[in-house]
Amino acid sequence: GLRAEQSAFRAAVPLALQDEGYRLIKLNPLADWSRQDLVRYVT
């Protein structure tokens, strides 16, 4: 559930990347969502 907006550390998080540590594709389908987008969807 990573989003780029959550913190400076996560600012560049992409929608998908190759995770070399776990040797898999890491998917962040909310990476480009704002907090407002998220609240609207949940509501």
PDB file of all heavy atoms in Angstrom:
ATOM      1  N   GLY A   1       0.796  -1.214   0.000  1.00  0.00           N
ATOM      2  CA  GLY A   1       0.000   0.000   0.000  1.00  0.00           C
ATOM      3  C   GLY A   1       0.832   1.270   0.000  1.00  0.00           C
ATOM      4  O   GLY A   1       0.326   2.338   0.383  1.00  0.00           O
ATOM      5  N   LEU A   2       2.086   1.199  -0.421  1.00  0.00           N
ATOM      6  CA  LEU A   2       2.941   2.391  -0.430  1.00  0.00           C
ATOM      7  C   LEU A   2       2.388   3.470  -1.356  1.00  0.00           C
ATOM      8  O   LEU A   2       1.919   3.192  -2.453  1.00  0.00           O
ATOM      9  CB  LEU A   2       4.351   2.022  -0.897  1.00  0.00           C
ATOM     10  CG  LEU A   2       5.196   1.107  -0.010  1.00  0.00           C
ATOM     11  CD1 LEU A   2       6.574   0.924  -0.620  1.00  0.00           C
ATOM     12  CD2 LEU A   2       5.304   1.648   1.406  1.00  0.00           C
ATOM     13  N   ARG A   3       2.479   4.719  -0.884  1.00  0.00           N
ATOM     14  CA  ARG A   3       2.148   5.884  -1.700  1.00  0.00           C
ATOM     15  C   ARG A   3       3.312   6.865  -1.656  1.00  0.00           C
ATOM     16  O   ARG A   3       3.935   7.048  -0.612  1.00  0.00           O
ATOM     17  CB  ARG A   3       0.883   6.580  -1.190  1.00  0.00           C
ATOM     18  CG  ARG A   3      -0.404   5.830  -1.439  1.00  0.00           C
ATOM     19  CD  ARG A   3      -1.637   6.660  -1.083  1.00  0.00           C
ATOM     20  NE  ARG A   3      -1.649   7.069   0.316  1.00  0.00           N
ATOM     21  CZ  ARG A   3      -1.499   8.314   0.749  1.00  0.00           C
ATOM     22  NH1 ARG A   3      -1.293   9.304  -0.122  1.00  0.00           N
ATOM     23  NH2 ARG A   3      -1.538   8.598   2.039  1.00  0.00           N
ATOM     24  N   ALA A   4       3.575   7.512  -2.760  1.00  0.00           N
ATOM     25  CA  ALA A   4       4.692   8.462  -2.825  1.00  0.00           C
ATOM     26  C   ALA A   4       4.500   9.616  -1.856  1.00  0.00           C
ATOM     27  O   ALA A   4       5.465  10.169  -1.328  1.00  0.00           O
ATOM     28  CB  ALA A   4       4.849   8.986  -4.250  1.00  0.00           C
ATOM     29  N   GLU A   5       3.263   9.982  -1.594  1.00  0.00           N
ATOM     30  CA  GLU A   5       2.950  11.137  -0.770  1.00  0.00           C
ATOM     31  C   GLU A   5       3.159  10.887   0.727  1.00  0.00           C
ATOM     32  O   GLU A   5       3.168  11.830   1.526  1.00  0.00           O
ATOM     33  CB  GLU A   5       1.490  11.538  -1.027  1.00  0.00           C
ATOM     34  CG  GLU A   5       1.073  12.882  -0.499  1.00  0.00           C
ATOM     35  CD  GLU A   5      -0.401  13.146  -0.762  1.00  0.00           C
ATOM     36  OE1 GLU A   5      -1.250  12.520  -0.099  1.00  0.00           O
ATOM     37  OE2 GLU A   5      -0.688  13.967  -1.641  1.00  0.00           O
ATOM     38  N   GLN A   6       3.351   9.636   1.125  1.00  0.00           N
ATOM     39  CA  GLN A   6       3.399   9.298   2.550  1.00  0.00           C
ATOM     40  C   GLN A   6       4.598   9.889   3.284  1.00  0.00           C
ATOM     41  O   GLN A   6       4.502  10.248   4.452  1.00  0.00           O
ATOM     42  CB  GLN A   6       3.397   7.775   2.736  1.00  0.00           C
ATOM     43  CG  GLN A   6       2.061   7.135   2.432  1.00  0.00           C
ATOM     44  CD  GLN A   6       2.145   5.621   2.400  1.00  0.00           C
ATOM     45  OE1 GLN A   6       3.168   5.040   2.018  1.00  0.00           O
ATOM     46  NE2 GLN A   6       1.073   4.971   2.801  1.00  0.00           N
ATOM     47  N   SER A   7       5.746   9.955   2.620  1.00  0.00           N
ATOM     48  CA  SER A   7       6.948  10.464   3.273  1.00  0.00           C
ATOM     49  C   SER A   7       8.004  10.779   2.230  1.00  0.00           C
ATOM     50  O   SER A   7       7.912  10.343   1.079  1.00  0.00           O
ATOM     51  CB  SER A   7       7.508   9.429   4.268  1.00  0.00           C
ATOM     52  OG  SER A   7       8.040   8.306   3.583  1.00  0.00           O
ATOM     53  N   ALA A   8       9.031  11.517   2.641  1.00  0.00           N
ATOM     54  CA  ALA A   8      10.127  11.835   1.730  1.00  0.00           C
ATOM     55  C   ALA A   8      10.841  10.571   1.285  1.00  0.00           C
ATOM     56  O   ALA A   8      11.286  10.453   0.131  1.00  0.00           O
ATOM     57  CB  ALA A   8      11.106  12.786   2.411  1.00  0.00           C
ATOM     58  N   PHE A   9      10.973   9.594   2.177  1.00  0.00           N
ATOM     59  CA  PHE A   9      11.636   8.335   1.855  1.00  0.00           C
ATOM     60  C   PHE A   9      10.914   7.603   0.724  1.00  0.00           C
ATOM     61  O   PHE A   9      11.533   6.915  -0.077  1.00  0.00           O
ATOM     62  CB  PHE A   9      11.686   7.455   3.107  1.00  0.00           C
ATOM     63  CG  PHE A   9      12.300   6.099   2.883  1.00  0.00           C
ATOM     64  CD1 PHE A   9      13.678   5.934   2.869  1.00  0.00           C
ATOM     65  CD2 PHE A   9      11.505   4.979   2.672  1.00  0.00           C
ATOM     66  CE1 PHE A   9      14.249   4.687   2.667  1.00  0.00           C
ATOM     67  CE2 PHE A   9      12.063   3.735   2.454  1.00  0.00           C
ATOM     68  CZ  PHE A   9      13.452   3.586   2.464  1.00  0.00           C
ATOM     69  N   ARG A  10       9.587   7.784   0.639  1.00  0.00           N
ATOM     70  CA  ARG A  10       8.783   7.049  -0.328  1.00  0.00           C
ATOM     71  C   ARG A  10       8.413   7.887  -1.554  1.00  0.00           C
ATOM     72  O   ARG A  10       7.640   7.449  -2.404  1.00  0.00           O
ATOM     73  CB  ARG A  10       7.516   6.533   0.354  1.00  0.00           C
ATOM     74  CG  ARG A  10       7.827   5.568   1.485  1.00  0.00           C
ATOM     75  CD  ARG A  10       6.594   5.101   2.232  1.00  0.00           C
ATOM     76  NE  ARG A  10       6.966   4.127   3.266  1.00  0.00           N
ATOM     77  CZ  ARG A  10       6.098   3.469   4.024  1.00  0.00           C
ATOM     78  NH1 ARG A  10       4.812   3.690   3.899  1.00  0.00           N
ATOM     79  NH2 ARG A  10       6.523   2.598   4.932  1.00  0.00           N
ATOM     80  N   ALA A  11       8.967   9.080  -1.659  1.00  0.00           N
ATOM     81  CA  ALA A  11       8.542  10.037  -2.685  1.00  0.00           C
ATOM     82  C   ALA A  11       8.706   9.516  -4.112  1.00  0.00           C
ATOM     83  O   ALA A  11       7.959   9.906  -4.998  1.00  0.00           O
ATOM     84  CB  ALA A  11       9.299  11.345  -2.517  1.00  0.00           C
ATOM     85  N   ALA A  12       9.685   8.665  -4.341  1.00  0.00           N
ATOM     86  CA  ALA A  12       9.951   8.188  -5.704  1.00  0.00           C
ATOM     87  C   ALA A  12       9.418   6.783  -5.951  1.00  0.00           C
ATOM     88  O   ALA A  12       9.785   6.146  -6.935  1.00  0.00           O
ATOM     89  CB  ALA A  12      11.462   8.223  -5.980  1.00  0.00           C
ATOM     90  N   VAL A  13       8.546   6.288  -5.084  1.00  0.00           N
ATOM     91  CA  VAL A  13       8.077   4.915  -5.221  1.00  0.00           C
ATOM     92  C   VAL A  13       7.302   4.756  -6.535  1.00  0.00           C
ATOM     93  O   VAL A  13       6.412   5.545  -6.839  1.00  0.00           O
ATOM     94  CB  VAL A  13       7.216   4.490  -4.009  1.00  0.00           C
ATOM     95  CG1 VAL A  13       5.940   5.307  -3.911  1.00  0.00           C
ATOM     96  CG2 VAL A  13       6.881   3.012  -4.064  1.00  0.00           C
ATOM     97  N   PRO A  14       7.657   3.752  -7.358  1.00  0.00           N
ATOM     98  CA  PRO A  14       6.962   3.544  -8.635  1.00  0.00           C
ATOM     99  C   PRO A  14       5.781   2.586  -8.466  1.00  0.00           C
ATOM    100  O   PRO A  14       5.605   1.963  -7.414  1.00  0.00           O
ATOM    101  CB  PRO A  14       8.044   2.904  -9.498  1.00  0.00           C
ATOM    102  CG  PRO A  14       8.850   2.099  -8.518  1.00  0.00           C
ATOM    103  CD  PRO A  14       8.823   2.862  -7.213  1.00  0.00           C
ATOM    104  N   LEU A  15       4.983   2.449  -9.503  1.00  0.00           N
ATOM    105  CA  LEU A  15       3.860   1.515  -9.463  1.00  0.00           C
ATOM    106  C   LEU A  15       4.335   0.067  -9.455  1.00  0.00           C
ATOM    107  O   LEU A  15       3.656  -0.809  -8.898  1.00  0.00           O
ATOM    108  CB  LEU A  15       2.937   1.757 -10.665  1.00  0.00           C
ATOM    109  CG  LEU A  15       2.142   3.061 -10.624  1.00  0.00           C
ATOM    110  CD1 LEU A  15       1.532   3.358 -11.981  1.00  0.00           C
ATOM    111  CD2 LEU A  15       1.061   2.997  -9.554  1.00  0.00           C
ATOM    112  N   ALA A  16       5.480  -0.190 -10.055  1.00  0.00           N
ATOM    113  CA  ALA A  16       6.044  -1.549 -10.059  1.00  0.00           C
ATOM    114  C   ALA A  16       7.552  -1.444 -10.212  1.00  0.00           C
ATOM    115  O   ALA A  16       8.054  -0.555 -10.899  1.00  0.00           O
ATOM    116  CB  ALA A  16       5.456  -2.381 -11.199  1.00  0.00           C
ATOM    117  N   LEU A  17       8.262  -2.334  -9.558  1.00  0.00           N
ATOM    118  CA  LEU A  17       9.717  -2.378  -9.670  1.00  0.00           C
ATOM    119  C   LEU A  17      10.210  -3.776  -9.380  1.00  0.00           C
ATOM    120  O   LEU A  17       9.518  -4.587  -8.753  1.00  0.00           O
ATOM    121  CB  LEU A  17      10.382  -1.392  -8.710  1.00  0.00           C
ATOM    122  CG  LEU A  17      10.387  -1.739  -7.213  1.00  0.00           C
ATOM    123  CD1 LEU A  17      11.539  -1.028  -6.511  1.00  0.00           C
ATOM    124  CD2 LEU A  17       9.071  -1.364  -6.559  1.00  0.00           C
ATOM    125  N   GLN A  18      11.415  -4.046  -9.811  1.00  0.00           N
ATOM    126  CA  GLN A  18      12.066  -5.310  -9.496  1.00  0.00           C
ATOM    127  C   GLN A  18      12.720  -5.187  -8.131  1.00  0.00           C
ATOM    128  O   GLN A  18      13.582  -4.338  -7.926  1.00  0.00           O
ATOM    129  CB  GLN A  18      13.115  -5.666 -10.553  1.00  0.00           C
ATOM    130  CG  GLN A  18      13.855  -6.966 -10.291  1.00  0.00           C
ATOM    131  CD  GLN A  18      12.963  -8.190 -10.443  1.00  0.00           C
ATOM    132  OE1 GLN A  18      11.969  -8.140 -11.162  1.00  0.00           O
ATOM    133  NE2 GLN A  18      13.324  -9.265  -9.778  1.00  0.00           N
ATOM    134  N   ASP A  19      12.278  -5.973  -7.168  1.00  0.00           N
ATOM    135  CA  ASP A  19      12.854  -5.977  -5.827  1.00  0.00           C
ATOM    136  C   ASP A  19      13.960  -7.032  -5.791  1.00  0.00           C
ATOM    137  O   ASP A  19      13.687  -8.238  -5.774  1.00  0.00           O
ATOM    138  CB  ASP A  19      11.774  -6.288  -4.790  1.00  0.00           C
ATOM    139  CG  ASP A  19      12.255  -6.102  -3.361  1.00  0.00           C
ATOM    140  OD1 ASP A  19      13.297  -6.683  -3.012  1.00  0.00           O
ATOM    141  OD2 ASP A  19      11.584  -5.389  -2.596  1.00  0.00           O
ATOM    142  N   GLU A  20      15.208  -6.570  -5.796  1.00  0.00           N
ATOM    143  CA  GLU A  20      16.336  -7.493  -5.855  1.00  0.00           C
ATOM    144  C   GLU A  20      16.534  -8.244  -4.547  1.00  0.00           C
ATOM    145  O   GLU A  20      17.076  -9.346  -4.524  1.00  0.00           O
ATOM    146  CB  GLU A  20      17.621  -6.730  -6.214  1.00  0.00           C
ATOM    147  CG  GLU A  20      17.582  -6.036  -7.574  1.00  0.00           C
ATOM    148  CD  GLU A  20      17.442  -7.021  -8.730  1.00  0.00           C
ATOM    149  OE1 GLU A  20      17.691  -8.230  -8.532  1.00  0.00           O
ATOM    150  OE2 GLU A  20      17.057  -6.573  -9.831  1.00  0.00           O
ATOM    151  N   GLY A  21      16.123  -7.630  -3.433  1.00  0.00           N
ATOM    152  CA  GLY A  21      16.277  -8.297  -2.144  1.00  0.00           C
ATOM    153  C   GLY A  21      15.428  -9.543  -2.033  1.00  0.00           C
ATOM    154  O   GLY A  21      15.901 -10.607  -1.612  1.00  0.00           O
ATOM    155  N   TYR A  22      14.156  -9.431  -2.415  1.00  0.00           N
ATOM    156  CA  TYR A  22      13.239 -10.571  -2.326  1.00  0.00           C
ATOM    157  C   TYR A  22      13.091 -11.310  -3.650  1.00  0.00           C
ATOM    158  O   TYR A  22      12.355 -12.292  -3.732  1.00  0.00           O
ATOM    159  CB  TYR A  22      11.873 -10.102  -1.827  1.00  0.00           C
ATOM    160  CG  TYR A  22      11.897  -9.665  -0.376  1.00  0.00           C
ATOM    161  CD1 TYR A  22      11.776  -8.320  -0.034  1.00  0.00           C
ATOM    162  CD2 TYR A  22      12.072 -10.587   0.650  1.00  0.00           C
ATOM    163  CE1 TYR A  22      11.804  -7.909   1.302  1.00  0.00           C
ATOM    164  CE2 TYR A  22      12.101 -10.191   1.986  1.00  0.00           C
ATOM    165  CZ  TYR A  22      11.972  -8.854   2.298  1.00  0.00           C
ATOM    166  OH  TYR A  22      12.011  -8.465   3.620  1.00  0.00           O
ATOM    167  N   ARG A  23      13.733 -10.813  -4.691  1.00  0.00           N
ATOM    168  CA  ARG A  23      13.736 -11.463  -6.005  1.00  0.00           C
ATOM    169  C   ARG A  23      12.313 -11.661  -6.536  1.00  0.00           C
ATOM    170  O   ARG A  23      11.900 -12.767  -6.889  1.00  0.00           O
ATOM    171  CB  ARG A  23      14.496 -12.796  -5.958  1.00  0.00           C
ATOM    172  CG  ARG A  23      15.957 -12.626  -5.603  1.00  0.00           C
ATOM    173  CD  ARG A  23      16.713 -13.945  -5.629  1.00  0.00           C
ATOM    174  NE  ARG A  23      18.095 -13.769  -5.272  1.00  0.00           N
ATOM    175  CZ  ARG A  23      19.056 -13.370  -6.091  1.00  0.00           C
ATOM    176  NH1 ARG A  23      18.773 -13.126  -7.357  1.00  0.00           N
ATOM    177  NH2 ARG A  23      20.308 -13.244  -5.681  1.00  0.00           N
ATOM    178  N   LEU A  24      11.587 -10.571  -6.586  1.00  0.00           N
ATOM    179  CA  LEU A  24      10.221 -10.579  -7.096  1.00  0.00           C
ATOM    180  C   LEU A  24       9.863  -9.188  -7.604  1.00  0.00           C
ATOM    181  O   LEU A  24      10.649  -8.247  -7.472  1.00  0.00           O
ATOM    182  CB  LEU A  24       9.237 -11.024  -6.003  1.00  0.00           C
ATOM    183  CG  LEU A  24       9.347 -10.425  -4.584  1.00  0.00           C
ATOM    184  CD1 LEU A  24       8.996  -8.946  -4.535  1.00  0.00           C
ATOM    185  CD2 LEU A  24       8.458 -11.181  -3.622  1.00  0.00           C
ATOM    186  N   ILE A  25       8.689  -9.055  -8.197  1.00  0.00           N
ATOM    187  CA  ILE A  25       8.202  -7.748  -8.600  1.00  0.00           C
ATOM    188  C   ILE A  25       7.371  -7.176  -7.459  1.00  0.00           C
ATOM    189  O   ILE A  25       6.454  -7.825  -6.958  1.00  0.00           O
ATOM    190  CB  ILE A  25       7.389  -7.813  -9.897  1.00  0.00           C
ATOM    191  CG1 ILE A  25       8.309  -8.113 -11.083  1.00  0.00           C
ATOM    192  CG2 ILE A  25       6.657  -6.496 -10.144  1.00  0.00           C
ATOM    193  CD1 ILE A  25       7.629  -8.106 -12.431  1.00  0.00           C
ATOM    194  N   LYS A  26       7.729  -5.977  -7.045  1.00  0.00           N
ATOM    195  CA  LYS A  26       7.000  -5.288  -5.981  1.00  0.00           C
ATOM    196  C   LYS A  26       6.017  -4.327  -6.634  1.00  0.00           C
ATOM    197  O   LYS A  26       6.398  -3.480  -7.436  1.00  0.00           O
ATOM    198  CB  LYS A  26       7.983  -4.538  -5.086  1.00  0.00           C
ATOM    199  CG  LYS A  26       7.357  -3.895  -3.869  1.00  0.00           C
ATOM    200  CD  LYS A  26       8.462  -3.310  -2.990  1.00  0.00           C
ATOM    201  CE  LYS A  26       7.922  -2.665  -1.741  1.00  0.00           C
ATOM    202  NZ  LYS A  26       9.019  -2.119  -0.894  1.00  0.00           N
ATOM    203  N   LEU A  27       4.769  -4.454  -6.250  1.00  0.00           N
ATOM    204  CA  LEU A  27       3.690  -3.691  -6.859  1.00  0.00           C
ATOM    205  C   LEU A  27       3.123  -2.707  -5.849  1.00  0.00           C
ATOM    206  O   LEU A  27       2.759  -3.086  -4.735  1.00  0.00           O
ATOM    207  CB  LEU A  27       2.589  -4.646  -7.329  1.00  0.00           C
ATOM    208  CG  LEU A  27       3.071  -5.713  -8.316  1.00  0.00           C
ATOM    209  CD1 LEU A  27       2.201  -6.950  -8.235  1.00  0.00           C
ATOM    210  CD2 LEU A  27       3.102  -5.161  -9.723  1.00  0.00           C
ATOM    211  N   ASN A  28       3.071  -1.451  -6.245  1.00  0.00           N
ATOM    212  CA  ASN A  28       2.558  -0.389  -5.381  1.00  0.00           C
ATOM    213  C   ASN A  28       1.411   0.307  -6.118  1.00  0.00           C
ATOM    214  O   ASN A  28       1.585   1.414  -6.645  1.00  0.00           O
ATOM    215  CB  ASN A  28       3.680   0.605  -5.062  1.00  0.00           C
ATOM    216  CG  ASN A  28       4.930  -0.089  -4.560  1.00  0.00           C
ATOM    217  OD1 ASN A  28       4.899  -0.788  -3.562  1.00  0.00           O
ATOM    218  ND2 ASN A  28       6.036   0.105  -5.265  1.00  0.00           N
ATOM    219  N   PRO A  29       0.233  -0.318  -6.178  1.00  0.00           N
ATOM    220  CA  PRO A  29      -0.832   0.180  -7.057  1.00  0.00           C
ATOM    221  C   PRO A  29      -1.421   1.526  -6.646  1.00  0.00           C
ATOM    222  O   PRO A  29      -2.165   2.126  -7.428  1.00  0.00           O
ATOM    223  CB  PRO A  29      -1.890  -0.924  -6.987  1.00  0.00           C
ATOM    224  CG  PRO A  29      -1.639  -1.598  -5.674  1.00  0.00           C
ATOM    225  CD  PRO A  29      -0.148  -1.557  -5.494  1.00  0.00           C
ATOM    226  N   LEU A  30      -1.088   2.024  -5.445  1.00  0.00           N
ATOM    227  CA  LEU A  30      -1.559   3.333  -5.005  1.00  0.00           C
ATOM    228  C   LEU A  30      -0.434   4.370  -5.011  1.00  0.00           C
ATOM    229  O   LEU A  30      -0.604   5.458  -4.454  1.00  0.00           O
ATOM    230  CB  LEU A  30      -2.151   3.246  -3.590  1.00  0.00           C
ATOM    231  CG  LEU A  30      -3.327   2.292  -3.391  1.00  0.00           C
ATOM    232  CD1 LEU A  30      -3.782   2.332  -1.938  1.00  0.00           C
ATOM    233  CD2 LEU A  30      -4.477   2.628  -4.313  1.00  0.00           C
ATOM    234  N   ALA A  31       0.678   4.061  -5.624  1.00  0.00           N
ATOM    235  CA  ALA A  31       1.865   4.920  -5.548  1.00  0.00           C
ATOM    236  C   ALA A  31       1.575   6.367  -5.923  1.00  0.00           C
ATOM    237  O   ALA A  31       2.113   7.294  -5.311  1.00  0.00           O
ATOM    238  CB  ALA A  31       2.984   4.360  -6.430  1.00  0.00           C
ATOM    239  N   ASP A  32       0.724   6.583  -6.905  1.00  0.00           N
ATOM    240  CA  ASP A  32       0.461   7.936  -7.394  1.00  0.00           C
ATOM    241  C   ASP A  32      -0.843   8.525  -6.861  1.00  0.00           C
ATOM    242  O   ASP A  32      -1.296   9.569  -7.333  1.00  0.00           O
ATOM    243  CB  ASP A  32       0.455   7.951  -8.927  1.00  0.00           C
ATOM    244  CG  ASP A  32      -0.526   6.962  -9.540  1.00  0.00           C
ATOM    245  OD1 ASP A  32      -1.147   6.179  -8.782  1.00  0.00           O
ATOM    246  OD2 ASP A  32      -0.685   6.950 -10.779  1.00  0.00           O
ATOM    247  N   TRP A  33      -1.436   7.889  -5.867  1.00  0.00           N
ATOM    248  CA  TRP A  33      -2.673   8.406  -5.287  1.00  0.00           C
ATOM    249  C   TRP A  33      -2.353   9.436  -4.200  1.00  0.00           C
ATOM    250  O   TRP A  33      -1.419   9.272  -3.417  1.00  0.00           O
ATOM    251  CB  TRP A  33      -3.480   7.273  -4.653  1.00  0.00           C
ATOM    252  CG  TRP A  33      -4.284   6.450  -5.607  1.00  0.00           C
ATOM    253  CD1 TRP A  33      -3.969   6.161  -6.904  1.00  0.00           C
ATOM    254  CD2 TRP A  33      -5.522   5.789  -5.323  1.00  0.00           C
ATOM    255  NE1 TRP A  33      -4.936   5.347  -7.446  1.00  0.00           N
ATOM    256  CE2 TRP A  33      -5.900   5.099  -6.496  1.00  0.00           C
ATOM    257  CE3 TRP A  33      -6.320   5.704  -4.200  1.00  0.00           C
ATOM    258  CZ2 TRP A  33      -7.064   4.340  -6.562  1.00  0.00           C
ATOM    259  CZ3 TRP A  33      -7.480   4.941  -4.262  1.00  0.00           C
ATOM    260  CH2 TRP A  33      -7.847   4.275  -5.443  1.00  0.00           C
ATOM    261  N   SER A  34      -3.180  10.462  -4.124  1.00  0.00           N
ATOM    262  CA  SER A  34      -3.102  11.418  -3.016  1.00  0.00           C
ATOM    263  C   SER A  34      -3.939  10.899  -1.849  1.00  0.00           C
ATOM    264  O   SER A  34      -4.732   9.951  -2.003  1.00  0.00           O
ATOM    265  CB  SER A  34      -3.629  12.789  -3.456  1.00  0.00           C
ATOM    266  OG  SER A  34      -5.034  12.718  -3.679  1.00  0.00           O
ATOM    267  N   ARG A  35      -3.777  11.541  -0.704  1.00  0.00           N
ATOM    268  CA  ARG A  35      -4.622  11.189   0.444  1.00  0.00           C
ATOM    269  C   ARG A  35      -6.100  11.414   0.102  1.00  0.00           C
ATOM    270  O   ARG A  35      -6.971  10.628   0.485  1.00  0.00           O
ATOM    271  CB  ARG A  35      -4.222  12.032   1.659  1.00  0.00           C
ATOM    272  CG  ARG A  35      -4.982  11.689   2.940  1.00  0.00           C
ATOM    273  CD  ARG A  35      -4.413  10.466   3.581  1.00  0.00           C
ATOM    274  NE  ARG A  35      -5.102  10.114   4.818  1.00  0.00           N
ATOM    275  CZ  ARG A  35      -4.782   9.066   5.565  1.00  0.00           C
ATOM    276  NH1 ARG A  35      -3.787   8.277   5.193  1.00  0.00           N
ATOM    277  NH2 ARG A  35      -5.446   8.792   6.666  1.00  0.00           N
ATOM    278  N   GLN A  36      -6.371  12.482  -0.643  1.00  0.00           N
ATOM    279  CA  GLN A  36      -7.743  12.786  -1.028  1.00  0.00           C
ATOM    280  C   GLN A  36      -8.316  11.698  -1.940  1.00  0.00           C
ATOM    281  O   GLN A  36      -9.484  11.314  -1.812  1.00  0.00           O
ATOM    282  CB  GLN A  36      -7.804  14.149  -1.735  1.00  0.00           C
ATOM    283  CG  GLN A  36      -7.571  15.348  -0.833  1.00  0.00           C
ATOM    284  CD  GLN A  36      -6.093  15.504  -0.406  1.00  0.00           C
ATOM    285  OE1 GLN A  36      -5.190  14.994  -1.073  1.00  0.00           O
ATOM    286  NE2 GLN A  36      -5.875  16.212   0.686  1.00  0.00           N
ATOM    287  N   ASP A  37      -7.495  11.207  -2.874  1.00  0.00           N
ATOM    288  CA  ASP A  37      -7.932  10.107  -3.746  1.00  0.00           C
ATOM    289  C   ASP A  37      -8.321   8.898  -2.905  1.00  0.00           C
ATOM    290  O   ASP A  37      -9.341   8.238  -3.154  1.00  0.00           O
ATOM    291  CB  ASP A  37      -6.813   9.691  -4.699  1.00  0.00           C
ATOM    292  CG  ASP A  37      -6.445  10.753  -5.710  1.00  0.00           C
ATOM    293  OD1 ASP A  37      -7.323  11.574  -6.059  1.00  0.00           O
ATOM    294  OD2 ASP A  37      -5.281  10.760  -6.144  1.00  0.00           O
ATOM    295  N   LEU A  38      -7.492   8.609  -1.920  1.00  0.00           N
ATOM    296  CA  LEU A  38      -7.693   7.433  -1.077  1.00  0.00           C
ATOM    297  C   LEU A  38      -8.979   7.555  -0.255  1.00  0.00           C
ATOM    298  O   LEU A  38      -9.799   6.624  -0.213  1.00  0.00           O
ATOM    299  CB  LEU A  38      -6.480   7.269  -0.166  1.00  0.00           C
ATOM    300  CG  LEU A  38      -6.467   6.094   0.804  1.00  0.00           C
ATOM    301  CD1 LEU A  38      -6.541   4.768   0.061  1.00  0.00           C
ATOM    302  CD2 LEU A  38      -5.206   6.149   1.671  1.00  0.00           C
ATOM    303  N   VAL A  39      -9.149   8.697   0.392  1.00  0.00           N
ATOM    304  CA  VAL A  39     -10.344   8.916   1.213  1.00  0.00           C
ATOM    305  C   VAL A  39     -11.607   8.854   0.358  1.00  0.00           C
ATOM    306  O   VAL A  39     -12.622   8.258   0.757  1.00  0.00           O
ATOM    307  CB  VAL A  39     -10.240  10.262   1.954  1.00  0.00           C
ATOM    308  CG1 VAL A  39     -11.572  10.616   2.621  1.00  0.00           C
ATOM    309  CG2 VAL A  39      -9.125  10.220   2.999  1.00  0.00           C
ATOM    310  N   ARG A  40     -11.542   9.414  -0.831  1.00  0.00           N
ATOM    311  CA  ARG A  40     -12.701   9.388  -1.730  1.00  0.00           C
ATOM    312  C   ARG A  40     -13.067   7.949  -2.103  1.00  0.00           C
ATOM    313  O   ARG A  40     -14.253   7.577  -2.107  1.00  0.00           O
ATOM    314  CB  ARG A  40     -12.401  10.206  -2.984  1.00  0.00           C
ATOM    315  CG  ARG A  40     -13.601  10.367  -3.920  1.00  0.00           C
ATOM    316  CD  ARG A  40     -13.243  11.157  -5.173  1.00  0.00           C
ATOM    317  NE  ARG A  40     -12.610  12.420  -4.834  1.00  0.00           N
ATOM    318  CZ  ARG A  40     -11.344  12.725  -5.102  1.00  0.00           C
ATOM    319  NH1 ARG A  40     -10.562  11.836  -5.720  1.00  0.00           N
ATOM    320  NH2 ARG A  40     -10.846  13.899  -4.769  1.00  0.00           N
ATOM    321  N   TYR A  41     -12.064   7.147  -2.423  1.00  0.00           N
ATOM    322  CA  TYR A  41     -12.325   5.752  -2.808  1.00  0.00           C
ATOM    323  C   TYR A  41     -12.948   4.976  -1.657  1.00  0.00           C
ATOM    324  O   TYR A  41     -13.932   4.237  -1.835  1.00  0.00           O
ATOM    325  CB  TYR A  41     -11.011   5.090  -3.248  1.00  0.00           C
ATOM    326  CG  TYR A  41     -11.163   3.653  -3.693  1.00  0.00           C
ATOM    327  CD1 TYR A  41     -11.401   3.336  -5.029  1.00  0.00           C
ATOM    328  CD2 TYR A  41     -11.068   2.598  -2.780  1.00  0.00           C
ATOM    329  CE1 TYR A  41     -11.547   2.019  -5.448  1.00  0.00           C
ATOM    330  CE2 TYR A  41     -11.217   1.274  -3.185  1.00  0.00           C
ATOM    331  CZ  TYR A  41     -11.460   0.999  -4.515  1.00  0.00           C
ATOM    332  OH  TYR A  41     -11.607  -0.313  -4.919  1.00  0.00           O
ATOM    333  N   VAL A  42     -12.390   5.123  -0.466  1.00  0.00           N
ATOM    334  CA  VAL A  42     -12.899   4.412   0.706  1.00  0.00           C
ATOM    335  C   VAL A  42     -14.323   4.854   1.026  1.00  0.00           C
ATOM    336  O   VAL A  42     -15.201   4.029   1.329  1.00  0.00           O
ATOM    337  CB  VAL A  42     -11.960   4.631   1.918  1.00  0.00           C
ATOM    338  CG1 VAL A  42     -12.603   4.166   3.211  1.00  0.00           C
ATOM    339  CG2 VAL A  42     -10.637   3.900   1.693  1.00  0.00           C
ATOM    340  N   THR A  43     -14.577   6.145   0.925  1.00  0.00           N
ATOM    341  CA  THR A  43     -15.919   6.675   1.204  1.00  0.00           C
ATOM    342  C   THR A  43     -16.927   6.215   0.166  1.00  0.00           C
ATOM    343  O   THR A  43     -18.023   5.729   0.506  1.00  0.00           O
ATOM    344  CB  THR A  43     -15.880   8.214   1.247  1.00  0.00           C
ATOM    345  OG1 THR A  43     -14.944   8.633   2.254  1.00  0.00           O
ATOM    346  CG2 THR A  43     -17.248   8.776   1.568  1.00  0.00           C
TER     347      THR A  43
END
